[in-house]
Amino acid sequence: MSDAMLAVDSLSAWYGAARILYDLSFEVGRGEVVGLMGRNGAGKSTTLKAVMGLIAERQGTVRFNGGDISGLKPFEIARRGLGYTPEDRRIFSDLTVMENLDVGRQPERRFADGWPAPAWTPEKLFALFPNLAEMPDRLGDRMSGGEQQMLTVARTLMGNPLLVLLDEPSEGVAPLIVEQMANTIVALKKDGLSVLLCEQNIHFARLVSDRVYVLEKGQIHWQGSMAQLDANQDVQRAYLTV
């Protein structure tokens, strides 16, 4: 894929002596939502952390928006326009919704071809997340899990990213919030934003993903379109069912 926003080649990662990822290679195109699917412990979150430079012991090449980011520190990667929403949300619990959004603010960006990337403001995000619009002055620790999840995504978007690494956005939140989160990802895709989504909920992935890579024990065992995965009960049974 010559216009890949993110191109990962032979990515391996270790936690101490334990090897977690084995030579992963995958791509995410511009305006594409790609799912990284697999059971708990398959290596999905570790993959996002390795791409983001959050794991010291890693090998392989990561190219983003036309440049090599393999050796950069996490803050340098973030400044290039790669957004990351971790599974554990990491909002600032003693700051308000507006203050959390202000913390995430970064300059507007352009894609490698010079085209302007979507620019985000609190007003635009409140239109995307009406729940947050009703509580701009609420402290982070006074919010529900689903509201915190929305705030995490909104804070990441305040950085005007070109691509977002999204870790398990549907986990532990109410079905209505899951639906809103799916609608949000579809809206982001229409805006030209790319998303790499870690997910084990196939119902959620089905709503948003164009293509899928299926992980098991730190290796890619299957890849194809979401429609192909949907139709392949054998792959679902082998790698996705508990």
C-alpha atoms as a PDB file:
ATOM      1  CA  MET A   1       0.000   0.000   0.000  1.00  0.00           C
ATOM      2  CA  SER A   2       2.025   2.979  -1.266  1.00  0.00           C
ATOM      3  CA  ASP A   3      -0.185   5.566   0.478  1.00  0.00           C
ATOM      4  CA  ALA A   4       0.019   3.808   3.861  1.00  0.00           C
ATOM      5  CA  MET A   5      -0.232   6.226   6.782  1.00  0.00           C
ATOM      6  CA  LEU A   6       1.347   3.586   8.999  1.00  0.00           C
ATOM      7  CA  ALA A   7       3.618   0.820   7.715  1.00  0.00           C
ATOM      8  CA  VAL A   8       5.044  -1.641  10.239  1.00  0.00           C
ATOM      9  CA  ASP A   9       7.690  -4.139   9.160  1.00  0.00           C
ATOM     10  CA  SER A  10       9.051  -7.066  11.221  1.00  0.00           C
ATOM     11  CA  LEU A  11       8.075  -5.573  14.583  1.00  0.00           C
ATOM     12  CA  SER A  12       9.192  -7.601  17.612  1.00  0.00           C
ATOM     13  CA  ALA A  13       8.988  -6.650  21.282  1.00  0.00           C
ATOM     14  CA  TRP A  14      10.083  -8.002  24.647  1.00  0.00           C
ATOM     15  CA  TYR A  15       9.223  -7.436  28.297  1.00  0.00           C
ATOM     16  CA  GLY A  16      12.524  -8.352  29.891  1.00  0.00           C
ATOM     17  CA  ALA A  17      13.366 -11.898  28.794  1.00  0.00           C
ATOM     18  CA  ALA A  18       9.813 -12.605  27.611  1.00  0.00           C
ATOM     19  CA  ARG A  19       9.266 -12.098  23.882  1.00  0.00           C
ATOM     20  CA  ILE A  20       5.737 -10.859  23.201  1.00  0.00           C
ATOM     21  CA  LEU A  21       5.669  -9.909  19.487  1.00  0.00           C
ATOM     22  CA  TYR A  22       7.151 -11.905  16.614  1.00  0.00           C
ATOM     23  CA  ASP A  23       7.971 -10.043  13.380  1.00  0.00           C
ATOM     24  CA  LEU A  24       4.631  -8.321  12.832  1.00  0.00           C
ATOM     25  CA  SER A  25       4.124  -6.574   9.491  1.00  0.00           C
ATOM     26  CA  PHE A  26       0.961  -4.601   8.721  1.00  0.00           C
ATOM     27  CA  GLU A  27      -0.280  -1.342   7.206  1.00  0.00           C
ATOM     28  CA  VAL A  28      -3.003   1.227   7.743  1.00  0.00           C
ATOM     29  CA  GLY A  29      -4.073   3.369   4.797  1.00  0.00           C
ATOM     30  CA  ARG A  30      -5.209   6.979   4.863  1.00  0.00           C
ATOM     31  CA  GLY A  31      -8.808   7.210   6.007  1.00  0.00           C
ATOM     32  CA  GLU A  32      -8.862   3.495   6.825  1.00  0.00           C
ATOM     33  CA  VAL A  33      -9.934   1.732  10.024  1.00  0.00           C
ATOM     34  CA  VAL A  34      -7.902  -1.427  10.591  1.00  0.00           C
ATOM     35  CA  GLY A  35      -8.725  -3.845  13.400  1.00  0.00           C
ATOM     36  CA  LEU A  36      -6.103  -5.744  15.390  1.00  0.00           C
ATOM     37  CA  MET A  37      -8.146  -8.600  16.806  1.00  0.00           C
ATOM     38  CA  GLY A  38      -7.434 -11.499  19.110  1.00  0.00           C
ATOM     39  CA  ARG A  39      -8.109 -12.844  22.562  1.00  0.00           C
ATOM     40  CA  ASN A  40      -6.792 -11.317  25.779  1.00  0.00           C
ATOM     41  CA  GLY A  41      -3.029 -11.787  25.875  1.00  0.00           C
ATOM     42  CA  ALA A  42      -2.641 -12.111  22.090  1.00  0.00           C
ATOM     43  CA  GLY A  43      -0.340  -9.067  21.978  1.00  0.00           C
ATOM     44  CA  LYS A  44      -2.749  -6.383  20.737  1.00  0.00           C
ATOM     45  CA  SER A  45      -2.008  -3.712  23.362  1.00  0.00           C
ATOM     46  CA  THR A  46       1.704  -4.480  23.231  1.00  0.00           C
ATOM     47  CA  THR A  47       1.624  -3.849  19.479  1.00  0.00           C
ATOM     48  CA  LEU A  48       0.180  -0.363  19.978  1.00  0.00           C
ATOM     49  CA  LYS A  49       2.706   0.408  22.712  1.00  0.00           C
ATOM     50  CA  ALA A  50       5.581  -0.791  20.526  1.00  0.00           C
ATOM     51  CA  VAL A  51       4.390   1.378  17.608  1.00  0.00           C
ATOM     52  CA  MET A  52       4.152   4.356  19.995  1.00  0.00           C
ATOM     53  CA  GLY A  53       7.683   3.787  21.313  1.00  0.00           C
ATOM     54  CA  LEU A  54       6.471   2.910  24.810  1.00  0.00           C
ATOM     55  CA  ILE A  55       8.384  -0.386  24.906  1.00  0.00           C
ATOM     56  CA  ALA A  56      12.149  -0.006  25.134  1.00  0.00           C
ATOM     57  CA  GLU A  57      13.018  -3.483  23.915  1.00  0.00           C
ATOM     58  CA  ARG A  58      11.728  -3.590  20.373  1.00  0.00           C
ATOM     59  CA  GLN A  59      13.014  -4.246  16.864  1.00  0.00           C
ATOM     60  CA  GLY A  60      11.633  -3.592  13.405  1.00  0.00           C
ATOM     61  CA  THR A  61      10.709  -0.598  11.278  1.00  0.00           C
ATOM     62  CA  VAL A  62       7.760   1.716  11.822  1.00  0.00           C
ATOM     63  CA  ARG A  63       7.018   4.334   9.159  1.00  0.00           C
ATOM     64  CA  PHE A  64       4.356   6.973   9.722  1.00  0.00           C
ATOM     65  CA  ASN A  65       3.129   9.673   7.323  1.00  0.00           C
ATOM     66  CA  GLY A  66       6.143   9.068   5.090  1.00  0.00           C
ATOM     67  CA  GLY A  67       8.839   9.192   7.813  1.00  0.00           C
ATOM     68  CA  ASP A  68      10.689   6.578   9.878  1.00  0.00           C
ATOM     69  CA  ILE A  69       9.677   6.822  13.566  1.00  0.00           C
ATOM     70  CA  SER A  70      11.307   3.557  14.696  1.00  0.00           C
ATOM     71  CA  GLY A  71      13.920   5.186  16.923  1.00  0.00           C
ATOM     72  CA  LEU A  72      11.909   8.121  18.241  1.00  0.00           C
ATOM     73  CA  LYS A  73      10.729   8.667  21.814  1.00  0.00           C
ATOM     74  CA  PRO A  74       6.973   8.588  22.538  1.00  0.00           C
ATOM     75  CA  PHE A  75       6.653  12.381  22.849  1.00  0.00           C
ATOM     76  CA  GLU A  76       8.467  12.826  19.521  1.00  0.00           C
ATOM     77  CA  ILE A  77       6.100  10.332  17.877  1.00  0.00           C
ATOM     78  CA  ALA A  78       3.088  12.170  19.342  1.00  0.00           C
ATOM     79  CA  ARG A  79       4.407  15.438  17.909  1.00  0.00           C
ATOM     80  CA  ARG A  80       4.482  13.837  14.463  1.00  0.00           C
ATOM     81  CA  GLY A  81       0.708  13.370  14.734  1.00  0.00           C
ATOM     82  CA  LEU A  82       0.270   9.818  15.989  1.00  0.00           C
ATOM     83  CA  GLY A  83      -2.454   9.752  18.648  1.00  0.00           C
ATOM     84  CA  TYR A  84      -2.793   7.022  21.302  1.00  0.00           C
ATOM     85  CA  THR A  85      -5.737   6.232  23.559  1.00  0.00           C
ATOM     86  CA  PRO A  86      -4.681   3.578  26.091  1.00  0.00           C
ATOM     87  CA  GLU A  87      -6.943   0.861  27.402  1.00  0.00           C
ATOM     88  CA  ASP A  88      -6.780   2.250  30.952  1.00  0.00           C
ATOM     89  CA  ARG A  89      -7.920   5.722  29.770  1.00  0.00           C
ATOM     90  CA  ARG A  90      -5.362   7.750  31.774  1.00  0.00           C
ATOM     91  CA  ILE A  91      -7.482  10.878  32.067  1.00  0.00           C
ATOM     92  CA  PHE A  92      -6.472  13.480  34.665  1.00  0.00           C
ATOM     93  CA  SER A  93      -8.989  12.769  37.403  1.00  0.00           C
ATOM     94  CA  ASP A  94      -8.431  16.059  39.260  1.00  0.00           C
ATOM     95  CA  LEU A  95      -8.927  18.177  36.129  1.00  0.00           C
ATOM     96  CA  THR A  96     -12.230  19.126  34.491  1.00  0.00           C
ATOM     97  CA  VAL A  97     -13.345  17.955  31.055  1.00  0.00           C
ATOM     98  CA  MET A  98     -12.234  21.274  29.501  1.00  0.00           C
ATOM     99  CA  GLU A  99      -8.885  21.165  31.309  1.00  0.00           C
ATOM    100  CA  ASN A 100      -8.289  17.607  30.088  1.00  0.00           C
ATOM    101  CA  LEU A 101      -8.987  18.755  26.530  1.00  0.00           C
ATOM    102  CA  ASP A 102      -6.616  21.721  26.897  1.00  0.00           C
ATOM    103  CA  VAL A 103      -3.828  19.377  28.011  1.00  0.00           C
ATOM    104  CA  GLY A 104      -4.143  17.485  24.720  1.00  0.00           C
ATOM    105  CA  ARG A 105      -4.004  20.580  22.488  1.00  0.00           C
ATOM    106  CA  GLN A 106      -1.411  20.515  19.685  1.00  0.00           C
ATOM    107  CA  PRO A 107      -0.941  22.575  16.481  1.00  0.00           C
ATOM    108  CA  GLU A 108      -2.856  21.831  13.294  1.00  0.00           C
ATOM    109  CA  ARG A 109      -1.130  19.385  10.922  1.00  0.00           C
ATOM    110  CA  ARG A 110      -0.787  18.382   7.304  1.00  0.00           C
ATOM    111  CA  PHE A 111      -0.488  15.015   5.622  1.00  0.00           C
ATOM    112  CA  ALA A 112       2.738  14.177   3.772  1.00  0.00           C
ATOM    113  CA  ASP A 113       1.181  15.441   0.510  1.00  0.00           C
ATOM    114  CA  GLY A 114       0.456  18.834   2.067  1.00  0.00           C
ATOM    115  CA  TRP A 115      -3.283  18.284   2.484  1.00  0.00           C
ATOM    116  CA  PRO A 116      -4.542  19.704   5.826  1.00  0.00           C
ATOM    117  CA  ALA A 117      -5.539  17.149   8.440  1.00  0.00           C
ATOM    118  CA  PRO A 118      -8.839  17.460  10.348  1.00  0.00           C
ATOM    119  CA  ALA A 119      -8.491  20.184  12.975  1.00  0.00           C
ATOM    120  CA  TRP A 120     -10.280  19.763  16.289  1.00  0.00           C
ATOM    121  CA  THR A 121     -11.695  22.268  18.758  1.00  0.00           C
ATOM    122  CA  PRO A 122     -13.654  21.665  21.972  1.00  0.00           C
ATOM    123  CA  GLU A 123     -16.799  22.861  20.156  1.00  0.00           C
ATOM    124  CA  LYS A 124     -16.335  20.324  17.371  1.00  0.00           C
ATOM    125  CA  LEU A 125     -15.648  17.565  19.908  1.00  0.00           C
ATOM    126  CA  PHE A 126     -18.731  18.454  21.939  1.00  0.00           C
ATOM    127  CA  ALA A 127     -20.784  18.028  18.755  1.00  0.00           C
ATOM    128  CA  LEU A 128     -19.193  14.586  18.349  1.00  0.00           C
ATOM    129  CA  PHE A 129     -19.612  13.691  22.056  1.00  0.00           C
ATOM    130  CA  PRO A 130     -22.853  15.353  23.283  1.00  0.00           C
ATOM    131  CA  ASN A 131     -22.409  13.710  26.720  1.00  0.00           C
ATOM    132  CA  LEU A 132     -19.219  15.713  27.278  1.00  0.00           C
ATOM    133  CA  ALA A 133     -20.925  18.925  26.147  1.00  0.00           C
ATOM    134  CA  GLU A 134     -23.221  18.637  29.168  1.00  0.00           C
ATOM    135  CA  MET A 135     -20.338  18.478  31.675  1.00  0.00           C
ATOM    136  CA  PRO A 136     -17.456  20.788  30.630  1.00  0.00           C
ATOM    137  CA  ASP A 137     -16.675  21.646  34.271  1.00  0.00           C
ATOM    138  CA  ARG A 138     -16.995  18.138  35.710  1.00  0.00           C
ATOM    139  CA  LEU A 139     -13.890  16.601  37.266  1.00  0.00           C
ATOM    140  CA  GLY A 140     -12.529  13.437  35.682  1.00  0.00           C
ATOM    141  CA  ASP A 141     -13.088  11.331  38.805  1.00  0.00           C
ATOM    142  CA  ARG A 142     -16.790  12.305  38.821  1.00  0.00           C
ATOM    143  CA  MET A 143     -17.420  10.703  35.422  1.00  0.00           C
ATOM    144  CA  SER A 144     -18.664   7.233  34.508  1.00  0.00           C
ATOM    145  CA  GLY A 145     -16.366   4.758  32.746  1.00  0.00           C
ATOM    146  CA  GLY A 146     -18.054   5.416  29.418  1.00  0.00           C
ATOM    147  CA  GLU A 147     -17.755   9.188  29.829  1.00  0.00           C
ATOM    148  CA  GLN A 148     -14.076   8.806  30.705  1.00  0.00           C
ATOM    149  CA  GLN A 149     -13.604   6.686  27.578  1.00  0.00           C
ATOM    150  CA  MET A 150     -15.143   9.442  25.457  1.00  0.00           C
ATOM    151  CA  LEU A 151     -12.937  12.044  27.153  1.00  0.00           C
ATOM    152  CA  THR A 152      -9.818   9.980  26.425  1.00  0.00           C
ATOM    153  CA  VAL A 153     -10.655   9.865  22.722  1.00  0.00           C
ATOM    154  CA  ALA A 154     -11.607  13.567  22.680  1.00  0.00           C
ATOM    155  CA  ARG A 155      -8.355  14.556  24.411  1.00  0.00           C
ATOM    156  CA  THR A 156      -6.372  12.557  21.831  1.00  0.00           C
ATOM    157  CA  LEU A 157      -8.236  14.305  19.002  1.00  0.00           C
ATOM    158  CA  MET A 158      -7.304  17.694  20.489  1.00  0.00           C
ATOM    159  CA  GLY A 159      -3.776  16.812  19.367  1.00  0.00           C
ATOM    160  CA  ASN A 160      -5.033  16.936  15.735  1.00  0.00           C
ATOM    161  CA  PRO A 161      -3.662  13.444  14.976  1.00  0.00           C
ATOM    162  CA  LEU A 162      -3.300  11.975  11.491  1.00  0.00           C
ATOM    163  CA  LEU A 163      -3.829   8.470  12.859  1.00  0.00           C
ATOM    164  CA  VAL A 164      -5.181   7.222  16.196  1.00  0.00           C
ATOM    165  CA  LEU A 165      -4.142   4.040  17.996  1.00  0.00           C
ATOM    166  CA  LEU A 166      -7.321   3.042  19.834  1.00  0.00           C
ATOM    167  CA  ASP A 167      -7.054   0.337  22.501  1.00  0.00           C
ATOM    168  CA  GLU A 168     -10.248  -1.611  23.367  1.00  0.00           C
ATOM    169  CA  PRO A 169     -12.688   1.351  23.266  1.00  0.00           C
ATOM    170  CA  SER A 170     -15.730  -0.882  23.779  1.00  0.00           C
ATOM    171  CA  GLU A 171     -14.439  -2.699  26.872  1.00  0.00           C
ATOM    172  CA  GLY A 172     -16.396  -2.177  30.072  1.00  0.00           C
ATOM    173  CA  VAL A 173     -18.751   0.520  28.756  1.00  0.00           C
ATOM    174  CA  ALA A 174     -22.518   0.475  28.314  1.00  0.00           C
ATOM    175  CA  PRO A 175     -24.002  -0.648  24.962  1.00  0.00           C
ATOM    176  CA  LEU A 176     -25.284   2.874  24.214  1.00  0.00           C
ATOM    177  CA  ILE A 177     -21.759   4.280  24.658  1.00  0.00           C
ATOM    178  CA  VAL A 178     -20.370   1.501  22.449  1.00  0.00           C
ATOM    179  CA  GLU A 179     -22.780   2.560  19.722  1.00  0.00           C
ATOM    180  CA  GLN A 180     -21.761   6.215  20.115  1.00  0.00           C
ATOM    181  CA  MET A 181     -18.086   5.213  19.975  1.00  0.00           C
ATOM    182  CA  ALA A 182     -18.712   3.295  16.737  1.00  0.00           C
ATOM    183  CA  ASN A 183     -20.491   6.295  15.215  1.00  0.00           C
ATOM    184  CA  THR A 184     -17.553   8.476  16.256  1.00  0.00           C
ATOM    185  CA  ILE A 185     -15.003   6.224  14.528  1.00  0.00           C
ATOM    186  CA  VAL A 186     -17.089   6.181  11.340  1.00  0.00           C
ATOM    187  CA  ALA A 187     -17.254  10.012  11.459  1.00  0.00           C
ATOM    188  CA  LEU A 188     -13.471  10.231  11.936  1.00  0.00           C
ATOM    189  CA  LYS A 189     -12.925   7.967   8.946  1.00  0.00           C
ATOM    190  CA  LYS A 190     -15.096  10.228   6.774  1.00  0.00           C
ATOM    191  CA  ASP A 191     -12.868  13.123   7.867  1.00  0.00           C
ATOM    192  CA  GLY A 192      -9.824  11.293   6.473  1.00  0.00           C
ATOM    193  CA  LEU A 193      -8.437  10.141   9.820  1.00  0.00           C
ATOM    194  CA  SER A 194      -6.878   6.678  10.048  1.00  0.00           C
ATOM    195  CA  VAL A 195      -7.510   4.368  13.011  1.00  0.00           C
ATOM    196  CA  LEU A 196      -5.680   1.273  14.227  1.00  0.00           C
ATOM    197  CA  LEU A 197      -8.163  -0.385  16.563  1.00  0.00           C
ATOM    198  CA  CYS A 198      -7.349  -3.074  19.136  1.00  0.00           C
ATOM    199  CA  GLU A 199     -10.542  -5.006  19.786  1.00  0.00           C
ATOM    200  CA  GLN A 200     -11.801  -8.456  20.723  1.00  0.00           C
ATOM    201  CA  ASN A 201     -15.484  -7.596  20.374  1.00  0.00           C
ATOM    202  CA  ILE A 202     -16.274  -8.690  16.807  1.00  0.00           C
ATOM    203  CA  HIS A 203     -19.665  -6.947  16.914  1.00  0.00           C
ATOM    204  CA  PHE A 204     -17.955  -3.617  17.535  1.00  0.00           C
ATOM    205  CA  ALA A 205     -15.196  -4.276  14.980  1.00  0.00           C
ATOM    206  CA  ARG A 206     -17.839  -5.140  12.396  1.00  0.00           C
ATOM    207  CA  LEU A 207     -19.395  -1.674  12.743  1.00  0.00           C
ATOM    208  CA  VAL A 208     -16.198   0.242  11.997  1.00  0.00           C
ATOM    209  CA  SER A 209     -13.359  -1.838  10.493  1.00  0.00           C
ATOM    210  CA  ASP A 210     -12.367  -2.025   6.822  1.00  0.00           C
ATOM    211  CA  ARG A 211      -9.685  -4.676   7.253  1.00  0.00           C
ATOM    212  CA  VAL A 212      -8.524  -6.937  10.076  1.00  0.00           C
ATOM    213  CA  TYR A 213      -5.332  -8.591  11.288  1.00  0.00           C
ATOM    214  CA  VAL A 214      -5.883 -11.438  13.747  1.00  0.00           C
ATOM    215  CA  LEU A 215      -3.202 -11.974  16.411  1.00  0.00           C
ATOM    216  CA  GLU A 216      -2.459 -15.052  18.471  1.00  0.00           C
ATOM    217  CA  LYS A 217       0.587 -15.327  20.755  1.00  0.00           C
ATOM    218  CA  GLY A 218       2.217 -12.266  19.237  1.00  0.00           C
ATOM    219  CA  GLN A 219       1.947 -13.367  15.613  1.00  0.00           C
ATOM    220  CA  ILE A 220      -0.429 -12.498  12.775  1.00  0.00           C
ATOM    221  CA  HIS A 221      -2.348 -15.677  11.931  1.00  0.00           C
ATOM    222  CA  TRP A 222      -4.920 -14.243   9.535  1.00  0.00           C
ATOM    223  CA  GLN A 223      -5.602 -11.046   7.606  1.00  0.00           C
ATOM    224  CA  GLY A 224      -8.347  -9.896   5.279  1.00  0.00           C
ATOM    225  CA  SER A 225     -11.368  -7.662   4.966  1.00  0.00           C
ATOM    226  CA  MET A 226     -13.919  -7.370   7.765  1.00  0.00           C
ATOM    227  CA  ALA A 227     -16.470  -9.001   5.463  1.00  0.00           C
ATOM    228  CA  GLN A 228     -14.150 -11.992   4.939  1.00  0.00           C
ATOM    229  CA  LEU A 229     -13.659 -12.397   8.683  1.00  0.00           C
ATOM    230  CA  ASP A 230     -17.388 -12.109   9.250  1.00  0.00           C
ATOM    231  CA  ALA A 231     -17.942 -14.989   6.837  1.00  0.00           C
ATOM    232  CA  ASN A 232     -15.129 -17.174   8.228  1.00  0.00           C
ATOM    233  CA  GLN A 233     -16.471 -19.019  11.256  1.00  0.00           C
ATOM    234  CA  ASP A 234     -13.341 -21.219  11.450  1.00  0.00           C
ATOM    235  CA  VAL A 235     -11.035 -18.242  12.026  1.00  0.00           C
ATOM    236  CA  GLN A 236     -13.461 -16.754  14.537  1.00  0.00           C
ATOM    237  CA  ARG A 237     -13.603 -20.031  16.480  1.00  0.00           C
ATOM    238  CA  ALA A 238      -9.848 -20.559  16.345  1.00  0.00           C
ATOM    239  CA  TYR A 239      -8.707 -17.087  17.401  1.00  0.00           C
ATOM    240  CA  LEU A 240     -11.566 -14.951  18.731  1.00  0.00           C
ATOM    241  CA  THR A 241     -13.959 -17.020  20.809  1.00  0.00           C
ATOM    242  CA  VAL A 242     -13.194 -17.479  24.487  1.00  0.00           C
END
